[in-house]
N, C-alpha and C. Protein backbone atom coordinates (compact mmCIF):
# COMPACT_ATOMS: atom_id res chain seq x y z
N MET A 1 -12.77 9.87 25.45
CA MET A 1 -11.63 9.34 24.50
C MET A 1 -12.99 8.41 24.05
N LYS A 2 -13.09 7.89 22.87
CA LYS A 2 -13.71 6.90 21.93
C LYS A 2 -12.66 6.12 21.15
N SER A 3 -13.31 4.79 20.83
CA SER A 3 -12.40 3.81 20.14
C SER A 3 -12.62 4.35 18.89
N THR A 4 -11.84 3.91 17.74
CA THR A 4 -12.05 4.27 16.24
C THR A 4 -13.16 3.30 15.77
N ARG A 5 -13.29 2.28 16.78
CA ARG A 5 -14.90 1.51 15.86
C ARG A 5 -16.44 2.32 16.14
N LYS A 6 -16.07 2.72 17.69
CA LYS A 6 -17.36 3.47 18.17
C LYS A 6 -17.16 4.66 17.63
N GLY A 7 -16.26 5.29 16.79
CA GLY A 7 -16.72 6.38 16.06
C GLY A 7 -17.08 6.30 14.36
N LEU A 8 -16.77 5.06 13.76
CA LEU A 8 -16.89 4.90 12.85
C LEU A 8 -18.41 3.95 12.96
N ARG A 9 -18.86 3.85 13.83
CA ARG A 9 -20.35 3.42 14.04
C ARG A 9 -21.32 4.29 14.10
N ASN A 10 -21.03 5.65 14.91
CA ASN A 10 -21.28 6.74 15.23
C ASN A 10 -21.22 8.12 14.26
N ASP A 11 -20.67 7.62 12.89
CA ASP A 11 -20.75 8.54 11.74
C ASP A 11 -19.91 9.63 12.39
N ASP A 12 -18.43 9.48 13.25
CA ASP A 12 -17.69 10.66 14.03
C ASP A 12 -16.43 10.42 13.07
N LEU A 13 -16.15 9.36 12.15
CA LEU A 13 -15.08 8.79 11.68
C LEU A 13 -16.21 8.26 9.78
N TYR A 14 -14.77 8.38 9.35
CA TYR A 14 -15.19 7.33 7.93
C TYR A 14 -13.76 6.95 7.03
N LYS A 15 -14.27 6.02 6.43
CA LYS A 15 -12.84 5.46 5.81
C LYS A 15 -12.98 6.18 4.26
N ASP A 16 -11.88 6.82 3.80
CA ASP A 16 -11.86 7.20 2.55
C ASP A 16 -11.52 5.76 1.15
N THR A 17 -11.43 6.46 -0.03
CA THR A 17 -11.55 5.22 -0.75
C THR A 17 -9.87 4.39 -0.69
N TYR A 18 -8.57 4.76 0.01
CA TYR A 18 -7.93 3.71 0.25
C TYR A 18 -7.92 3.26 1.77
N GLY A 19 -8.63 3.35 2.72
CA GLY A 19 -8.90 3.23 3.56
C GLY A 19 -8.25 3.86 5.06
N ARG A 20 -7.85 4.77 4.65
CA ARG A 20 -7.69 6.16 5.43
C ARG A 20 -8.51 6.42 6.58
N LEU A 21 -8.68 6.54 7.86
CA LEU A 21 -9.47 6.78 8.76
C LEU A 21 -9.63 8.84 8.48
N ASN A 22 -10.64 9.19 8.18
CA ASN A 22 -11.10 10.68 8.18
C ASN A 22 -12.09 11.37 9.29
N CYS A 23 -12.05 12.52 9.47
CA CYS A 23 -12.63 13.19 10.55
C CYS A 23 -14.18 13.14 9.94
N ALA A 24 -15.27 13.02 10.50
CA ALA A 24 -16.42 13.45 9.57
C ALA A 24 -16.46 15.14 9.89
N GLU A 25 -16.37 15.88 10.86
CA GLU A 25 -16.42 17.09 10.78
C GLU A 25 -15.70 18.01 10.08
N CYS A 26 -14.24 17.42 9.96
CA CYS A 26 -13.47 18.32 9.36
C CYS A 26 -12.76 17.94 7.80
N GLU A 27 -13.47 16.82 7.88
CA GLU A 27 -12.83 16.15 6.53
C GLU A 27 -11.10 15.99 6.52
N LYS A 28 -10.18 15.89 7.55
CA LYS A 28 -9.16 15.61 7.51
C LYS A 28 -8.91 13.88 7.76
N THR A 29 -7.54 13.93 7.37
CA THR A 29 -6.93 12.23 7.69
C THR A 29 -6.36 12.49 9.19
N LEU A 30 -6.29 11.34 9.99
CA LEU A 30 -6.28 11.72 11.49
C LEU A 30 -4.60 10.79 11.17
N ALA A 31 -4.39 11.57 12.31
CA ALA A 31 -2.57 11.57 12.23
C ALA A 31 -2.46 10.43 13.71
N THR A 32 -1.61 9.77 13.70
CA THR A 32 -1.09 8.50 14.66
C THR A 32 -0.13 8.83 15.76
N GLU A 33 -0.43 8.42 17.05
CA GLU A 33 0.43 9.23 18.34
C GLU A 33 0.48 7.53 18.97
N ASN A 34 2.03 7.14 18.96
CA ASN A 34 2.44 6.18 19.30
C ASN A 34 2.00 6.31 21.45
N ALA A 35 1.53 5.91 21.74
CA ALA A 35 1.62 6.33 23.30
C ALA A 35 2.65 4.94 24.01
N PRO A 36 4.08 5.44 24.19
CA PRO A 36 4.56 3.78 25.15
C PRO A 36 4.29 3.42 26.12
N ASP A 37 3.41 4.46 26.59
CA ASP A 37 2.94 3.31 28.32
C ASP A 37 1.57 2.92 27.91
N GLU A 38 1.19 2.59 26.55
CA GLU A 38 0.02 2.58 26.81
C GLU A 38 -0.22 0.92 25.56
N VAL A 39 -1.27 0.54 25.93
CA VAL A 39 -1.46 -0.95 24.59
C VAL A 39 -2.06 -0.32 23.44
N TYR A 40 -2.99 1.28 23.60
CA TYR A 40 -3.21 1.42 21.99
C TYR A 40 -2.44 2.60 21.43
N ASN A 41 -3.01 2.66 20.61
CA ASN A 41 -2.72 4.18 19.92
C ASN A 41 -3.26 5.22 19.81
N VAL A 42 -3.09 6.56 19.74
CA VAL A 42 -3.91 7.88 19.76
C VAL A 42 -4.29 8.19 18.47
N ARG A 43 -5.29 8.36 17.92
CA ARG A 43 -5.98 8.80 16.66
C ARG A 43 -6.13 9.92 17.05
N ARG A 44 -5.56 11.12 16.26
CA ARG A 44 -6.11 12.89 16.34
C ARG A 44 -6.33 13.30 15.20
N CYS A 45 -7.49 13.94 15.20
CA CYS A 45 -7.45 15.10 14.19
C CYS A 45 -6.63 16.50 13.92
N PRO A 46 -6.01 16.65 13.15
CA PRO A 46 -5.11 18.00 13.09
C PRO A 46 -5.93 19.54 13.42
N ASP A 47 -7.08 19.14 12.78
CA ASP A 47 -8.27 20.35 13.24
C ASP A 47 -8.56 20.70 14.20
N CYS A 48 -9.74 19.56 14.35
CA CYS A 48 -10.53 20.36 15.47
C CYS A 48 -10.04 19.47 16.72
N GLU A 49 -8.58 18.26 16.70
CA GLU A 49 -8.23 17.95 17.95
C GLU A 49 -8.84 16.96 18.57
N ARG A 50 -10.02 16.32 17.89
CA ARG A 50 -10.43 15.19 18.50
C ARG A 50 -9.86 13.91 18.71
N GLU A 51 -9.71 13.25 19.69
CA GLU A 51 -9.04 11.86 19.46
C GLU A 51 -9.43 10.78 20.07
N PHE A 52 -9.22 9.99 19.08
CA PHE A 52 -10.08 8.35 19.52
C PHE A 52 -8.68 7.25 19.29
N ARG A 53 -9.00 6.39 20.15
CA ARG A 53 -8.37 5.18 20.58
C ARG A 53 -7.92 4.18 19.79
N GLU A 54 -6.78 3.60 19.08
CA GLU A 54 -7.17 2.62 18.43
C GLU A 54 -6.38 1.23 19.04
N LEU A 55 -7.48 0.19 19.34
CA LEU A 55 -6.37 -0.96 19.32
C LEU A 55 -6.06 -2.12 18.60
N PRO A 56 -4.61 -2.31 18.37
CA PRO A 56 -4.20 -3.27 17.93
C PRO A 56 -5.40 -4.72 17.46
């Protein structure tokens, strides 16, 4: 699982005009899941199920 920053640098993710993170492969907005035991949030693409972690 990559971080969202690495995903943006590697062109796996992009931000739309409103600043939302989108998957570059399927062009869908990432959903956010709060992991209660972890420091980071998990961002998941609803179509291709790729996961990225987002540090606060």
